[in-house]
C-alpha atoms as a PDB file:
ATOM      1  CA  MET A   1      16.486  85.955  75.969  1.00  0.00           C
ATOM      2  CA  LYS A   2      18.401  83.071  77.544  1.00  0.00           C
ATOM      3  CA  LYS A   3      15.494  80.649  76.926  1.00  0.00           C
ATOM      4  CA  PHE A   4      15.361  81.730  73.283  1.00  0.00           C
ATOM      5  CA  ALA A   5      19.100  81.097  72.868  1.00  0.00           C
ATOM      6  CA  ILE A   6      18.813  77.629  74.434  1.00  0.00           C
ATOM      7  CA  ALA A   7      15.773  76.744  72.304  1.00  0.00           C
ATOM      8  CA  SER A   8      17.591  77.956  69.170  1.00  0.00           C
ATOM      9  CA  ALA A   9      20.670  75.888  69.995  1.00  0.00           C
ATOM     10  CA  ILE A  10      18.600  72.743  70.565  1.00  0.00           C
ATOM     11  CA  THR A  11      16.708  73.278  67.315  1.00  0.00           C
ATOM     12  CA  LEU A  12      19.961  73.771  65.411  1.00  0.00           C
ATOM     13  CA  VAL A  13      21.435  70.543  66.792  1.00  0.00           C
ATOM     14  CA  LEU A  14      18.304  68.571  65.848  1.00  0.00           C
ATOM     15  CA  VAL A  15      18.227  69.993  62.316  1.00  0.00           C
ATOM     16  CA  ILE A  16      21.937  69.293  61.748  1.00  0.00           C
ATOM     17  CA  ASN A  17      21.487  65.746  63.062  1.00  0.00           C
ATOM     18  CA  ALA A  18      18.547  65.126  60.709  1.00  0.00           C
ATOM     19  CA  PHE A  19      20.480  66.324  57.658  1.00  0.00           C
ATOM     20  CA  ALA A  20      23.608  64.406  58.646  1.00  0.00           C
ATOM     21  CA  HIS A  21      21.742  61.122  58.239  1.00  0.00           C
ATOM     22  CA  GLY A  22      20.275  62.078  54.853  1.00  0.00           C
ATOM     23  CA  ASN A  23      17.595  59.664  53.733  1.00  0.00           C
ATOM     24  CA  MET A  24      18.922  56.837  55.917  1.00  0.00           C
ATOM     25  CA  GLU A  25      16.567  54.937  58.189  1.00  0.00           C
ATOM     26  CA  HIS A  26      17.823  53.737  61.554  1.00  0.00           C
ATOM     27  CA  ILE A  27      16.516  50.361  62.624  1.00  0.00           C
ATOM     28  CA  LEU A  28      17.142  49.371  66.231  1.00  0.00           C
ATOM     29  CA  GLY A  29      16.091  46.018  67.586  1.00  0.00           C
ATOM     30  CA  THR A  30      16.692  42.309  67.916  1.00  0.00           C
ATOM     31  CA  VAL A  31      17.536  39.996  65.012  1.00  0.00           C
ATOM     32  CA  THR A  32      14.803  37.405  64.393  1.00  0.00           C
ATOM     33  CA  ALA A  33      16.176  35.896  61.151  1.00  0.00           C
ATOM     34  CA  VAL A  34      19.359  36.000  59.071  1.00  0.00           C
ATOM     35  CA  SER A  35      19.926  34.775  55.523  1.00  0.00           C
ATOM     36  CA  ASP A  36      22.670  35.306  52.946  1.00  0.00           C
ATOM     37  CA  HIS A  37      20.674  38.227  51.515  1.00  0.00           C
ATOM     38  CA  SER A  38      18.750  39.796  54.399  1.00  0.00           C
ATOM     39  CA  VAL A  39      18.378  40.409  58.120  1.00  0.00           C
ATOM     40  CA  THR A  40      14.986  40.578  59.817  1.00  0.00           C
ATOM     41  CA  VAL A  41      14.706  42.683  62.962  1.00  0.00           C
ATOM     42  CA  LYS A  42      11.979  43.108  65.563  1.00  0.00           C
ATOM     43  CA  THR A  43      12.338  46.818  66.264  1.00  0.00           C
ATOM     44  CA  THR A  44      12.189  48.485  69.645  1.00  0.00           C
ATOM     45  CA  ALA A  45       8.776  49.795  68.547  1.00  0.00           C
ATOM     46  CA  GLY A  46       7.554  46.203  68.035  1.00  0.00           C
ATOM     47  CA  ASP A  47       7.521  46.269  64.221  1.00  0.00           C
ATOM     48  CA  THR A  48       9.271  43.672  62.081  1.00  0.00           C
ATOM     49  CA  LYS A  49      11.529  44.956  59.303  1.00  0.00           C
ATOM     50  CA  THR A  50      13.504  42.987  56.740  1.00  0.00           C
ATOM     51  CA  VAL A  51      16.627  44.680  55.427  1.00  0.00           C
ATOM     52  CA  GLU A  52      18.469  43.464  52.337  1.00  0.00           C
ATOM     53  CA  ILE A  53      22.227  42.953  52.439  1.00  0.00           C
ATOM     54  CA  ALA A  54      24.313  44.419  49.605  1.00  0.00           C
ATOM     55  CA  THR A  55      27.861  43.644  48.545  1.00  0.00           C
ATOM     56  CA  GLY A  56      29.072  46.849  50.198  1.00  0.00           C
ATOM     57  CA  THR A  57      27.206  46.422  53.482  1.00  0.00           C
ATOM     58  CA  LYS A  58      29.586  47.129  56.362  1.00  0.00           C
ATOM     59  CA  VAL A  59      29.252  45.002  59.521  1.00  0.00           C
ATOM     60  CA  MET A  60      30.746  46.208  62.803  1.00  0.00           C
ATOM     61  CA  LYS A  61      31.104  44.114  65.947  1.00  0.00           C
ATOM     62  CA  GLY A  62      32.074  46.654  68.572  1.00  0.00           C
ATOM     63  CA  ASP A  63      34.995  48.604  67.119  1.00  0.00           C
ATOM     64  CA  ALA A  64      36.121  45.726  64.914  1.00  0.00           C
ATOM     65  CA  ALA A  65      35.025  44.906  61.393  1.00  0.00           C
ATOM     66  CA  GLY A  66      32.823  41.849  61.105  1.00  0.00           C
ATOM     67  CA  THR A  67      30.917  39.881  58.507  1.00  0.00           C
ATOM     68  CA  LEU A  68      27.330  38.793  58.069  1.00  0.00           C
ATOM     69  CA  LYS A  69      28.344  35.486  59.706  1.00  0.00           C
ATOM     70  CA  ASP A  70      28.771  37.456  62.971  1.00  0.00           C
ATOM     71  CA  VAL A  71      25.056  38.388  62.958  1.00  0.00           C
ATOM     72  CA  HIS A  72      22.917  35.850  64.825  1.00  0.00           C
ATOM     73  CA  VAL A  73      19.283  35.516  65.866  1.00  0.00           C
ATOM     74  CA  GLY A  74      18.903  37.232  69.231  1.00  0.00           C
ATOM     75  CA  ASP A  75      21.635  39.823  68.607  1.00  0.00           C
ATOM     76  CA  ARG A  76      20.780  43.448  69.231  1.00  0.00           C
ATOM     77  CA  VAL A  77      21.597  45.554  66.183  1.00  0.00           C
ATOM     78  CA  ALA A  78      21.528  49.091  64.871  1.00  0.00           C
ATOM     79  CA  ILE A  79      21.131  49.134  61.107  1.00  0.00           C
ATOM     80  CA  HIS A  80      21.576  52.196  58.913  1.00  0.00           C
ATOM     81  CA  ALA A  81      19.607  51.493  55.759  1.00  0.00           C
ATOM     82  CA  GLY A  82      18.734  53.360  52.613  1.00  0.00           C
ATOM     83  CA  ASN A  83      15.574  52.974  50.589  1.00  0.00           C
ATOM     84  CA  HIS A  84      16.415  51.454  47.202  1.00  0.00           C
ATOM     85  CA  ASP A  85      13.499  50.816  44.861  1.00  0.00           C
ATOM     86  CA  GLY A  86      11.085  50.638  47.787  1.00  0.00           C
ATOM     87  CA  LYS A  87      13.192  48.143  49.756  1.00  0.00           C
ATOM     88  CA  LEU A  88      15.442  48.749  52.729  1.00  0.00           C
ATOM     89  CA  GLN A  89      19.097  48.037  51.967  1.00  0.00           C
ATOM     90  CA  ALA A  90      21.672  47.986  54.766  1.00  0.00           C
ATOM     91  CA  GLU A  91      24.614  50.342  54.477  1.00  0.00           C
ATOM     92  CA  GLU A  92      25.923  49.406  57.923  1.00  0.00           C
ATOM     93  CA  ILE A  93      25.013  46.877  60.617  1.00  0.00           C
ATOM     94  CA  LYS A  94      26.327  47.444  64.133  1.00  0.00           C
ATOM     95  CA  ILE A  95      26.082  44.437  66.408  1.00  0.00           C
ATOM     96  CA  GLY A  96      25.431  45.433  70.017  1.00  0.00           C
ATOM     97  CA  ALA A  97      26.271  43.812  73.301  1.00  0.00           C
ATOM     98  CA  ALA A  98      24.179  40.895  74.462  1.00  0.00           C
ATOM     99  CA  PRO A  99      21.311  41.853  76.779  1.00  0.00           C
ATOM    100  CA  ALA A 100      22.091  41.738  80.470  1.00  0.00           C
ATOM    101  CA  ALA A 101      21.134  38.523  82.263  1.00  0.00           C
ATOM    102  CA  LYS A 102      18.035  38.805  84.423  1.00  0.00           C
END
């Protein structure tokens, strides 16, 4: 009975998390190119994705608001993007910390 309760709780959390993000795609990776209209990212899975920038795209640098000018090649980012007419369009770009020195 205890295993069933734990499995049910885990399933509920996963389902709620999936619905909370709606139809948004999460793109995690390293910026390989930036233009006035798009950001290209090499994802953690090794794919390359280009995400369009809209007027309302929110950029966050840590806890502070930023702009597209704060996004640079080599930055690690998490992008929340919606699919608009078959193209990814960024709703929010979060700029991560620089990778640790080796």
